[in-house]
All heavy atoms as atom14 arrays in JSON, in Angstrom:
{
  "sequence": "EVFLYQDFTLPVGAPSLSFTIAGLTSESDGDPPNAFGAALIDPLTS",
  "atom14_mask": [
    [1, 1, 1, 1, 1, 1, 1, 1, 1, 0, 0, 0, 0, 0],
    [1, 1, 1, 1, 1, 1, 1, 0, 0, 0, 0, 0, 0, 0],
    [1, 1, 1, 1, 1, 1, 1, 1, 1, 1, 1, 0, 0, 0],
    [1, 1, 1, 1, 1, 1, 1, 1, 0, 0, 0, 0, 0, 0],
    [1, 1, 1, 1, 1, 1, 1, 1, 1, 1, 1, 1, 0, 0],
    [1, 1, 1, 1, 1, 1, 1, 1, 1, 0, 0, 0, 0, 0],
    [1, 1, 1, 1, 1, 1, 1, 1, 0, 0, 0, 0, 0, 0],
    [1, 1, 1, 1, 1, 1, 1, 1, 1, 1, 1, 0, 0, 0],
    [1, 1, 1, 1, 1, 1, 1, 0, 0, 0, 0, 0, 0, 0],
    [1, 1, 1, 1, 1, 1, 1, 1, 0, 0, 0, 0, 0, 0],
    [1, 1, 1, 1, 1, 1, 1, 0, 0, 0, 0, 0, 0, 0],
    [1, 1, 1, 1, 1, 1, 1, 0, 0, 0, 0, 0, 0, 0],
    [1, 1, 1, 1, 0, 0, 0, 0, 0, 0, 0, 0, 0, 0],
    [1, 1, 1, 1, 1, 0, 0, 0, 0, 0, 0, 0, 0, 0],
    [1, 1, 1, 1, 1, 1, 1, 0, 0, 0, 0, 0, 0, 0],
    [1, 1, 1, 1, 1, 1, 0, 0, 0, 0, 0, 0, 0, 0],
    [1, 1, 1, 1, 1, 1, 1, 1, 0, 0, 0, 0, 0, 0],
    [1, 1, 1, 1, 1, 1, 0, 0, 0, 0, 0, 0, 0, 0],
    [1, 1, 1, 1, 1, 1, 1, 1, 1, 1, 1, 0, 0, 0],
    [1, 1, 1, 1, 1, 1, 1, 0, 0, 0, 0, 0, 0, 0],
    [1, 1, 1, 1, 1, 1, 1, 1, 0, 0, 0, 0, 0, 0],
    [1, 1, 1, 1, 1, 0, 0, 0, 0, 0, 0, 0, 0, 0],
    [1, 1, 1, 1, 0, 0, 0, 0, 0, 0, 0, 0, 0, 0],
    [1, 1, 1, 1, 1, 1, 1, 1, 0, 0, 0, 0, 0, 0],
    [1, 1, 1, 1, 1, 1, 1, 0, 0, 0, 0, 0, 0, 0],
    [1, 1, 1, 1, 1, 1, 0, 0, 0, 0, 0, 0, 0, 0],
    [1, 1, 1, 1, 1, 1, 1, 1, 1, 0, 0, 0, 0, 0],
    [1, 1, 1, 1, 1, 1, 0, 0, 0, 0, 0, 0, 0, 0],
    [1, 1, 1, 1, 1, 1, 1, 1, 0, 0, 0, 0, 0, 0],
    [1, 1, 1, 1, 0, 0, 0, 0, 0, 0, 0, 0, 0, 0],
    [1, 1, 1, 1, 1, 1, 1, 1, 0, 0, 0, 0, 0, 0],
    [1, 1, 1, 1, 1, 1, 1, 0, 0, 0, 0, 0, 0, 0],
    [1, 1, 1, 1, 1, 1, 1, 0, 0, 0, 0, 0, 0, 0],
    [1, 1, 1, 1, 1, 1, 1, 1, 0, 0, 0, 0, 0, 0],
    [1, 1, 1, 1, 1, 0, 0, 0, 0, 0, 0, 0, 0, 0],
    [1, 1, 1, 1, 1, 1, 1, 1, 1, 1, 1, 0, 0, 0],
    [1, 1, 1, 1, 0, 0, 0, 0, 0, 0, 0, 0, 0, 0],
    [1, 1, 1, 1, 1, 0, 0, 0, 0, 0, 0, 0, 0, 0],
    [1, 1, 1, 1, 1, 0, 0, 0, 0, 0, 0, 0, 0, 0],
    [1, 1, 1, 1, 1, 1, 1, 1, 0, 0, 0, 0, 0, 0],
    [1, 1, 1, 1, 1, 1, 1, 1, 0, 0, 0, 0, 0, 0],
    [1, 1, 1, 1, 1, 1, 1, 1, 0, 0, 0, 0, 0, 0],
    [1, 1, 1, 1, 1, 1, 1, 0, 0, 0, 0, 0, 0, 0],
    [1, 1, 1, 1, 1, 1, 1, 1, 0, 0, 0, 0, 0, 0],
    [1, 1, 1, 1, 1, 1, 1, 0, 0, 0, 0, 0, 0, 0],
    [1, 1, 1, 1, 1, 1, 0, 0, 0, 0, 0, 0, 0, 0]
  ],
  "atom14_positions": [
    [[0.83, -1.2, 0.0], [0.0, 0.0, 0.0], [0.86, 1.25, 0.0], [1.81, 1.37, 0.77], [-0.92, 0.0, 1.22], [-1.88, 1.17, 1.28], [-2.8, 1.1, 2.49], [-2.56, 0.27, 3.37], [-3.75, 1.89, 2.55], [0.0, 0.0, 0.0], [0.0, 0.0, 0.0], [0.0, 0.0, 0.0], [0.0, 0.0, 0.0], [0.0, 0.0, 0.0]],
    [[0.53, 2.19, -0.87], [1.11, 3.53, -0.88], [-0.02, 4.49, -0.51], [-1.1, 4.43, -1.1], [1.69, 3.88, -2.27], [2.16, 5.33, -2.31], [2.83, 2.93, -2.62], [0.0, 0.0, 0.0], [0.0, 0.0, 0.0], [0.0, 0.0, 0.0], [0.0, 0.0, 0.0], [0.0, 0.0, 0.0], [0.0, 0.0, 0.0], [0.0, 0.0, 0.0]],
    [[0.24, 5.37, 0.47], [-0.86, 6.21, 0.93], [-0.43, 7.66, 1.11], [0.75, 7.99, 1.25], [-1.49, 5.67, 2.22], [-0.57, 5.63, 3.41], [-0.22, 6.79, 4.12], [-0.04, 4.42, 3.86], [0.62, 6.74, 5.21], [0.81, 4.36, 4.96], [1.13, 5.54, 5.64], [0.0, 0.0, 0.0], [0.0, 0.0, 0.0], [0.0, 0.0, 0.0]],
    [[-1.45, 8.51, 1.14], [-1.32, 9.95, 1.35], [-2.53, 10.37, 2.16], [-3.67, 10.05, 1.79], [-1.31, 10.67, -0.01], [-1.55, 12.19, -0.02], [-0.28, 12.91, 0.4], [-1.94, 12.65, -1.44], [0.0, 0.0, 0.0], [0.0, 0.0, 0.0], [0.0, 0.0, 0.0], [0.0, 0.0, 0.0], [0.0, 0.0, 0.0], [0.0, 0.0, 0.0]],
    [[-2.3, 11.09, 3.28], [-3.46, 11.53, 4.05], [-3.18, 12.83, 4.78], [-2.03, 13.23, 4.95], [-3.95, 10.45, 5.02], [-3.09, 10.2, 6.25], [-3.15, 11.06, 7.36], [-2.26, 9.09, 6.33], [-2.39, 10.81, 8.5], [-1.5, 8.84, 7.46], [-1.57, 9.7, 8.54], [-0.82, 9.46, 9.66], [0.0, 0.0, 0.0], [0.0, 0.0, 0.0]],
    [[-4.27, 13.46, 5.22], [-4.18, 14.66, 6.05], [-5.32, 14.66, 7.05], [-6.48, 14.36, 6.69], [-4.25, 15.94, 5.21], [-4.09, 17.21, 6.04], [-4.07, 18.48, 5.22], [-4.42, 19.55, 5.7], [-3.64, 18.4, 3.96], [0.0, 0.0, 0.0], [0.0, 0.0, 0.0], [0.0, 0.0, 0.0], [0.0, 0.0, 0.0], [0.0, 0.0, 0.0]],
    [[-5.01, 15.0, 8.3], [-6.02, 15.15, 9.34], [-6.41, 16.62, 9.46], [-5.54, 17.51, 9.44], [-5.49, 14.66, 10.69], [-5.25, 13.15, 10.72], [-5.76, 12.47, 9.82], [-4.55, 12.68, 11.62], [0.0, 0.0, 0.0], [0.0, 0.0, 0.0], [0.0, 0.0, 0.0], [0.0, 0.0, 0.0], [0.0, 0.0, 0.0], [0.0, 0.0, 0.0]],
    [[-7.69, 16.87, 9.61], [-8.19, 18.24, 9.7], [-9.56, 18.23, 10.37], [-10.1, 17.16, 10.69], [-8.26, 18.89, 8.32], [-9.26, 18.23, 7.4], [-10.49, 18.83, 7.15], [-8.98, 17.02, 6.77], [-11.42, 18.22, 6.31], [-9.89, 16.41, 5.93], [-11.12, 17.01, 5.71], [0.0, 0.0, 0.0], [0.0, 0.0, 0.0], [0.0, 0.0, 0.0]],
    [[-10.13, 19.4, 10.59], [-11.47, 19.51, 11.16], [-12.44, 19.96, 10.08], [-12.19, 20.93, 9.38], [-11.48, 20.53, 12.32], [-10.57, 20.1, 13.33], [-12.88, 20.63, 12.93], [0.0, 0.0, 0.0], [0.0, 0.0, 0.0], [0.0, 0.0, 0.0], [0.0, 0.0, 0.0], [0.0, 0.0, 0.0], [0.0, 0.0, 0.0], [0.0, 0.0, 0.0]],
    [[-13.53, 19.22, 9.94], [-14.54, 19.57, 8.95], [-15.24, 20.87, 9.36], [-15.77, 20.95, 10.47], [-15.57, 18.46, 8.81], [-15.05, 17.16, 8.15], [-16.05, 16.03, 8.37], [-14.79, 17.37, 6.68], [0.0, 0.0, 0.0], [0.0, 0.0, 0.0], [0.0, 0.0, 0.0], [0.0, 0.0, 0.0], [0.0, 0.0, 0.0], [0.0, 0.0, 0.0]],
    [[-15.26, 21.87, 8.51], [-15.92, 23.13, 8.87], [-17.43, 22.95, 9.0], [-18.04, 22.16, 8.28], [-15.6, 24.05, 7.67], [-14.49, 23.39, 6.96], [-14.64, 21.92, 7.18], [0.0, 0.0, 0.0], [0.0, 0.0, 0.0], [0.0, 0.0, 0.0], [0.0, 0.0, 0.0], [0.0, 0.0, 0.0], [0.0, 0.0, 0.0], [0.0, 0.0, 0.0]],
    [[-18.02, 23.68, 9.93], [-19.46, 23.66, 10.09], [-20.09, 24.31, 8.85], [-19.73, 25.42, 8.47], [-19.89, 24.41, 11.37], [-21.42, 24.48, 11.47], [-19.31, 23.72, 12.6], [0.0, 0.0, 0.0], [0.0, 0.0, 0.0], [0.0, 0.0, 0.0], [0.0, 0.0, 0.0], [0.0, 0.0, 0.0], [0.0, 0.0, 0.0], [0.0, 0.0, 0.0]],
    [[-20.99, 23.6, 8.21], [-21.71, 24.16, 7.07], [-21.1, 23.88, 5.72], [-21.72, 24.18, 4.69], [0.0, 0.0, 0.0], [0.0, 0.0, 0.0], [0.0, 0.0, 0.0], [0.0, 0.0, 0.0], [0.0, 0.0, 0.0], [0.0, 0.0, 0.0], [0.0, 0.0, 0.0], [0.0, 0.0, 0.0], [0.0, 0.0, 0.0], [0.0, 0.0, 0.0]],
    [[-19.89, 23.31, 5.66], [-19.28, 22.99, 4.37], [-20.08, 21.88, 3.7], [-20.28, 20.82, 4.29], [-17.83, 22.59, 4.53], [0.0, 0.0, 0.0], [0.0, 0.0, 0.0], [0.0, 0.0, 0.0], [0.0, 0.0, 0.0], [0.0, 0.0, 0.0], [0.0, 0.0, 0.0], [0.0, 0.0, 0.0], [0.0, 0.0, 0.0], [0.0, 0.0, 0.0]],
    [[-20.55, 22.06, 2.48], [-21.42, 21.06, 1.85], [-20.71, 19.84, 1.28], [-21.3, 18.77, 1.2], [-22.12, 21.84, 0.75], [-21.17, 22.95, 0.42], [-20.47, 23.31, 1.7], [0.0, 0.0, 0.0], [0.0, 0.0, 0.0], [0.0, 0.0, 0.0], [0.0, 0.0, 0.0], [0.0, 0.0, 0.0], [0.0, 0.0, 0.0], [0.0, 0.0, 0.0]],
    [[-19.43, 19.99, 0.88], [-18.78, 18.87, 0.22], [-17.26, 19.0, 0.26], [-16.71, 20.07, 0.5], [-19.25, 18.75, -1.24], [-18.85, 19.9, -1.97], [0.0, 0.0, 0.0], [0.0, 0.0, 0.0], [0.0, 0.0, 0.0], [0.0, 0.0, 0.0], [0.0, 0.0, 0.0], [0.0, 0.0, 0.0], [0.0, 0.0, 0.0], [0.0, 0.0, 0.0]],
    [[-16.61, 17.87, 0.01], [-15.17, 17.81, -0.17], [-14.92, 17.15, -1.52], [-15.58, 16.17, -1.86], [-14.51, 17.01, 0.95], [-12.97, 16.9, 0.92], [-12.42, 16.81, 2.34], [-12.5, 15.68, 0.13], [0.0, 0.0, 0.0], [0.0, 0.0, 0.0], [0.0, 0.0, 0.0], [0.0, 0.0, 0.0], [0.0, 0.0, 0.0], [0.0, 0.0, 0.0]],
    [[-13.98, 17.7, -2.26], [-13.73, 17.15, -3.61], [-12.25, 17.03, -3.89], [-11.41, 17.66, -3.23], [-14.4, 18.03, -4.68], [-13.82, 19.32, -4.69], [0.0, 0.0, 0.0], [0.0, 0.0, 0.0], [0.0, 0.0, 0.0], [0.0, 0.0, 0.0], [0.0, 0.0, 0.0], [0.0, 0.0, 0.0], [0.0, 0.0, 0.0], [0.0, 0.0, 0.0]],
    [[-11.92, 16.2, -4.86], [-10.57, 16.1, -5.38], [-10.66, 15.71, -6.85], [-11.71, 15.26, -7.32], [-9.74, 15.07, -4.6], [-10.17, 13.63, -4.78], [-9.6, 12.83, -5.75], [-11.18, 13.1, -4.0], [-10.0, 11.51, -5.92], [-11.6, 11.78, -4.15], [-11.0, 10.98, -5.12], [0.0, 0.0, 0.0], [0.0, 0.0, 0.0], [0.0, 0.0, 0.0]],
    [[-9.57, 15.89, -7.56], [-9.55, 15.6, -9.0], [-8.51, 14.54, -9.3], [-7.37, 14.62, -8.83], [-9.24, 16.87, -9.8], [-10.28, 17.82, -9.58], [-9.12, 16.57, -11.29], [0.0, 0.0, 0.0], [0.0, 0.0, 0.0], [0.0, 0.0, 0.0], [0.0, 0.0, 0.0], [0.0, 0.0, 0.0], [0.0, 0.0, 0.0], [0.0, 0.0, 0.0]],
    [[-8.91, 13.53, -10.06], [-7.97, 12.57, -10.63], [-7.5, 13.18, -11.95], [-8.25, 13.26, -12.92], [-8.6, 11.19, -10.87], [-9.09, 10.59, -9.54], [-7.61, 10.27, -11.54], [-9.77, 9.24, -9.7], [0.0, 0.0, 0.0], [0.0, 0.0, 0.0], [0.0, 0.0, 0.0], [0.0, 0.0, 0.0], [0.0, 0.0, 0.0], [0.0, 0.0, 0.0]],
    [[-6.24, 13.64, -11.96], [-5.72, 14.31, -13.14], [-5.15, 13.32, -14.16], [-5.05, 13.64, -15.34], [-4.64, 15.31, -12.73], [0.0, 0.0, 0.0], [0.0, 0.0, 0.0], [0.0, 0.0, 0.0], [0.0, 0.0, 0.0], [0.0, 0.0, 0.0], [0.0, 0.0, 0.0], [0.0, 0.0, 0.0], [0.0, 0.0, 0.0], [0.0, 0.0, 0.0]],
    [[-4.78, 12.14, -13.7], [-4.24, 11.14, -14.6], [-4.01, 9.84, -13.88], [-3.98, 9.79, -12.64], [0.0, 0.0, 0.0], [0.0, 0.0, 0.0], [0.0, 0.0, 0.0], [0.0, 0.0, 0.0], [0.0, 0.0, 0.0], [0.0, 0.0, 0.0], [0.0, 0.0, 0.0], [0.0, 0.0, 0.0], [0.0, 0.0, 0.0], [0.0, 0.0, 0.0]],
    [[-3.86, 8.77, -14.64], [-3.56, 7.47, -14.04], [-2.93, 6.56, -15.08], [-3.06, 6.77, -16.28], [-4.82, 6.82, -13.45], [-6.06, 6.66, -14.34], [-5.97, 5.41, -15.19], [-7.31, 6.59, -13.47], [0.0, 0.0, 0.0], [0.0, 0.0, 0.0], [0.0, 0.0, 0.0], [0.0, 0.0, 0.0], [0.0, 0.0, 0.0], [0.0, 0.0, 0.0]],
    [[-2.22, 5.57, -14.58], [-1.67, 4.53, -15.45], [-2.09, 3.19, -14.9], [-2.19, 3.0, -13.68], [-0.14, 4.6, -15.51], [0.41, 4.48, -14.19], [0.32, 5.92, -16.11], [0.0, 0.0, 0.0], [0.0, 0.0, 0.0], [0.0, 0.0, 0.0], [0.0, 0.0, 0.0], [0.0, 0.0, 0.0], [0.0, 0.0, 0.0], [0.0, 0.0, 0.0]],
    [[-2.38, 2.27, -15.8], [-2.84, 0.95, -15.42], [-1.84, -0.09, -15.89], [-0.87, 0.22, -16.6], [-4.22, 0.66, -16.04], [-5.16, 1.61, -15.61], [0.0, 0.0, 0.0], [0.0, 0.0, 0.0], [0.0, 0.0, 0.0], [0.0, 0.0, 0.0], [0.0, 0.0, 0.0], [0.0, 0.0, 0.0], [0.0, 0.0, 0.0], [0.0, 0.0, 0.0]],
    [[-2.06, -1.33, -15.49], [-1.21, -2.42, -15.92], [-2.07, -3.56, -16.44], [-3.31, -3.49, -16.38], [-0.33, -2.91, -14.77], [-1.11, -3.5, -13.61], [-0.2, -4.01, -12.5], [0.91, -3.5, -12.36], [-0.6, -4.93, -11.78], [0.0, 0.0, 0.0], [0.0, 0.0, 0.0], [0.0, 0.0, 0.0], [0.0, 0.0, 0.0], [0.0, 0.0, 0.0]],
    [[-1.44, -4.6, -16.9], [-2.21, -5.75, -17.35], [-2.95, -6.37, -16.19], [-2.62, -6.15, -15.02], [-1.27, -6.78, -18.0], [-0.28, -7.19, -17.07], [0.0, 0.0, 0.0], [0.0, 0.0, 0.0], [0.0, 0.0, 0.0], [0.0, 0.0, 0.0], [0.0, 0.0, 0.0], [0.0, 0.0, 0.0], [0.0, 0.0, 0.0], [0.0, 0.0, 0.0]],
    [[-3.94, -7.14, -16.47], [-4.84, -7.71, -15.46], [-4.05, -8.47, -14.4], [-3.07, -9.15, -14.68], [-5.83, -8.65, -16.13], [-7.05, -8.9, -15.25], [-7.08, -8.36, -14.14], [-7.96, -9.61, -15.71], [0.0, 0.0, 0.0], [0.0, 0.0, 0.0], [0.0, 0.0, 0.0], [0.0, 0.0, 0.0], [0.0, 0.0, 0.0], [0.0, 0.0, 0.0]],
    [[-4.51, -8.34, -13.14], [-3.89, -9.05, -12.03], [-4.95, -9.66, -11.14], [-6.13, -9.39, -11.29], [0.0, 0.0, 0.0], [0.0, 0.0, 0.0], [0.0, 0.0, 0.0], [0.0, 0.0, 0.0], [0.0, 0.0, 0.0], [0.0, 0.0, 0.0], [0.0, 0.0, 0.0], [0.0, 0.0, 0.0], [0.0, 0.0, 0.0], [0.0, 0.0, 0.0]],
    [[-4.53, -10.48, -10.19], [-5.48, -11.14, -9.27], [-4.91, -11.11, -7.86], [-4.07, -11.94, -7.52], [-5.7, -12.58, -9.73], [-6.73, -13.3, -8.83], [-7.39, -12.59, -8.03], [-6.86, -14.52, -8.95], [0.0, 0.0, 0.0], [0.0, 0.0, 0.0], [0.0, 0.0, 0.0], [0.0, 0.0, 0.0], [0.0, 0.0, 0.0], [0.0, 0.0, 0.0]],
    [[-5.39, -10.18, -7.0], [-6.34, -9.11, -7.32], [-5.67, -7.98, -8.09], [-4.45, -7.92, -8.12], [-6.78, -8.63, -5.93], [-5.57, -8.87, -5.07], [-4.95, -10.13, -5.59], [0.0, 0.0, 0.0], [0.0, 0.0, 0.0], [0.0, 0.0, 0.0], [0.0, 0.0, 0.0], [0.0, 0.0, 0.0], [0.0, 0.0, 0.0], [0.0, 0.0, 0.0]],
    [[-6.46, -7.08, -8.69], [-5.89, -6.0, -9.48], [-5.32, -4.91, -8.57], [-5.69, -4.81, -7.4], [-7.08, -5.48, -10.27], [-8.24, -5.74, -9.38], [-7.94, -7.04, -8.7], [0.0, 0.0, 0.0], [0.0, 0.0, 0.0], [0.0, 0.0, 0.0], [0.0, 0.0, 0.0], [0.0, 0.0, 0.0], [0.0, 0.0, 0.0], [0.0, 0.0, 0.0]],
    [[-4.46, -4.08, -9.12], [-4.1, -2.85, -8.43], [-5.34, -1.97, -8.36], [-6.22, -2.03, -9.22], [-2.98, -2.12, -9.17], [-1.68, -2.91, -9.15], [-1.53, -3.85, -8.37], [-0.76, -2.54, -10.0], [0.0, 0.0, 0.0], [0.0, 0.0, 0.0], [0.0, 0.0, 0.0], [0.0, 0.0, 0.0], [0.0, 0.0, 0.0], [0.0, 0.0, 0.0]],
    [[-5.41, -1.14, -7.34], [-6.62, -0.33, -7.16], [-6.3, 0.96, -6.42], [-5.31, 1.05, -5.69], [-7.67, -1.11, -6.41], [0.0, 0.0, 0.0], [0.0, 0.0, 0.0], [0.0, 0.0, 0.0], [0.0, 0.0, 0.0], [0.0, 0.0, 0.0], [0.0, 0.0, 0.0], [0.0, 0.0, 0.0], [0.0, 0.0, 0.0], [0.0, 0.0, 0.0]],
    [[-7.14, 1.95, -6.65], [-7.05, 3.25, -5.97], [-8.32, 3.46, -5.16], [-9.4, 3.06, -5.57], [-6.91, 4.38, -7.0], [-7.16, 5.75, -6.44], [-6.21, 6.38, -5.64], [-8.36, 6.39, -6.69], [-6.45, 7.64, -5.11], [-8.61, 7.67, -6.17], [-7.65, 8.28, -5.38], [0.0, 0.0, 0.0], [0.0, 0.0, 0.0], [0.0, 0.0, 0.0]],
    [[-8.17, 4.08, -4.0], [-9.35, 4.39, -3.2], [-9.2, 5.68, -2.44], [-8.07, 6.1, -2.1], [0.0, 0.0, 0.0], [0.0, 0.0, 0.0], [0.0, 0.0, 0.0], [0.0, 0.0, 0.0], [0.0, 0.0, 0.0], [0.0, 0.0, 0.0], [0.0, 0.0, 0.0], [0.0, 0.0, 0.0], [0.0, 0.0, 0.0], [0.0, 0.0, 0.0]],
    [[-10.32, 6.35, -2.17], [-10.36, 7.58, -1.38], [-11.35, 7.37, -0.24], [-12.48, 6.91, -0.46], [-10.79, 8.76, -2.24], [0.0, 0.0, 0.0], [0.0, 0.0, 0.0], [0.0, 0.0, 0.0], [0.0, 0.0, 0.0], [0.0, 0.0, 0.0], [0.0, 0.0, 0.0], [0.0, 0.0, 0.0], [0.0, 0.0, 0.0], [0.0, 0.0, 0.0]],
    [[-10.94, 7.7, 0.98], [-11.78, 7.51, 2.15], [-11.78, 8.77, 3.0], [-10.79, 9.52, 3.03], [-11.28, 6.32, 2.97], [0.0, 0.0, 0.0], [0.0, 0.0, 0.0], [0.0, 0.0, 0.0], [0.0, 0.0, 0.0], [0.0, 0.0, 0.0], [0.0, 0.0, 0.0], [0.0, 0.0, 0.0], [0.0, 0.0, 0.0], [0.0, 0.0, 0.0]],
    [[-12.86, 9.0, 3.7], [-12.96, 10.08, 4.7], [-13.33, 9.41, 6.01], [-14.47, 8.97, 6.19], [-14.02, 11.1, 4.28], [-14.09, 12.37, 5.16], [-12.81, 13.2, 4.99], [-15.31, 13.21, 4.83], [0.0, 0.0, 0.0], [0.0, 0.0, 0.0], [0.0, 0.0, 0.0], [0.0, 0.0, 0.0], [0.0, 0.0, 0.0], [0.0, 0.0, 0.0]],
    [[-12.37, 9.32, 6.92], [-12.54, 8.51, 8.11], [-12.26, 9.3, 9.37], [-11.65, 10.38, 9.34], [-11.61, 7.26, 8.07], [-10.13, 7.71, 8.01], [-11.95, 6.38, 6.88], [-9.15, 6.57, 8.07], [0.0, 0.0, 0.0], [0.0, 0.0, 0.0], [0.0, 0.0, 0.0], [0.0, 0.0, 0.0], [0.0, 0.0, 0.0], [0.0, 0.0, 0.0]],
    [[-12.7, 8.74, 10.5], [-12.34, 9.26, 11.81], [-10.88, 8.9, 12.06], [-10.51, 7.72, 11.98], [-13.25, 8.64, 12.87], [-13.01, 9.22, 14.27], [-11.85, 9.22, 14.72], [-13.98, 9.63, 14.91], [0.0, 0.0, 0.0], [0.0, 0.0, 0.0], [0.0, 0.0, 0.0], [0.0, 0.0, 0.0], [0.0, 0.0, 0.0], [0.0, 0.0, 0.0]],
    [[-10.0, 9.86, 12.39], [-8.58, 9.53, 12.55], [-8.29, 8.59, 13.69], [-7.26, 7.9, 13.67], [-7.94, 10.91, 12.81], [-8.91, 11.91, 12.31], [-10.27, 11.3, 12.52], [0.0, 0.0, 0.0], [0.0, 0.0, 0.0], [0.0, 0.0, 0.0], [0.0, 0.0, 0.0], [0.0, 0.0, 0.0], [0.0, 0.0, 0.0], [0.0, 0.0, 0.0]],
    [[-9.15, 8.52, 14.69], [-8.89, 7.68, 15.85], [-9.44, 6.27, 15.7], [-8.86, 5.31, 16.19], [-9.47, 8.34, 17.11], [-8.82, 9.66, 17.53], [-9.49, 10.22, 18.78], [-7.32, 9.49, 17.75], [0.0, 0.0, 0.0], [0.0, 0.0, 0.0], [0.0, 0.0, 0.0], [0.0, 0.0, 0.0], [0.0, 0.0, 0.0], [0.0, 0.0, 0.0]],
    [[-10.59, 6.13, 15.03], [-11.23, 4.82, 14.92], [-11.06, 4.19, 13.55], [-11.31, 2.98, 13.39], [-12.73, 4.93, 15.22], [-13.36, 5.71, 14.19], [-12.97, 5.59, 16.58], [0.0, 0.0, 0.0], [0.0, 0.0, 0.0], [0.0, 0.0, 0.0], [0.0, 0.0, 0.0], [0.0, 0.0, 0.0], [0.0, 0.0, 0.0], [0.0, 0.0, 0.0]],
    [[-10.7, 4.97, 12.54], [-10.62, 4.53, 11.14], [-11.98, 4.17, 10.56], [-12.06, 3.56, 9.5], [-9.64, 3.36, 10.97], [-8.32, 3.8, 11.06], [0.0, 0.0, 0.0], [0.0, 0.0, 0.0], [0.0, 0.0, 0.0], [0.0, 0.0, 0.0], [0.0, 0.0, 0.0], [0.0, 0.0, 0.0], [0.0, 0.0, 0.0], [0.0, 0.0, 0.0]]
  ]
}
């Protein structure tokens, strides 16, 4: 696993959080395949 994260406080009243996938590269089929994921979690409980 390769990861990137930041802990912060969600502002009161903010309607959404967004990010952009600007590009990606894939490989030939695997079992299981490589995969990307984005999560918004509690930093203490995950």
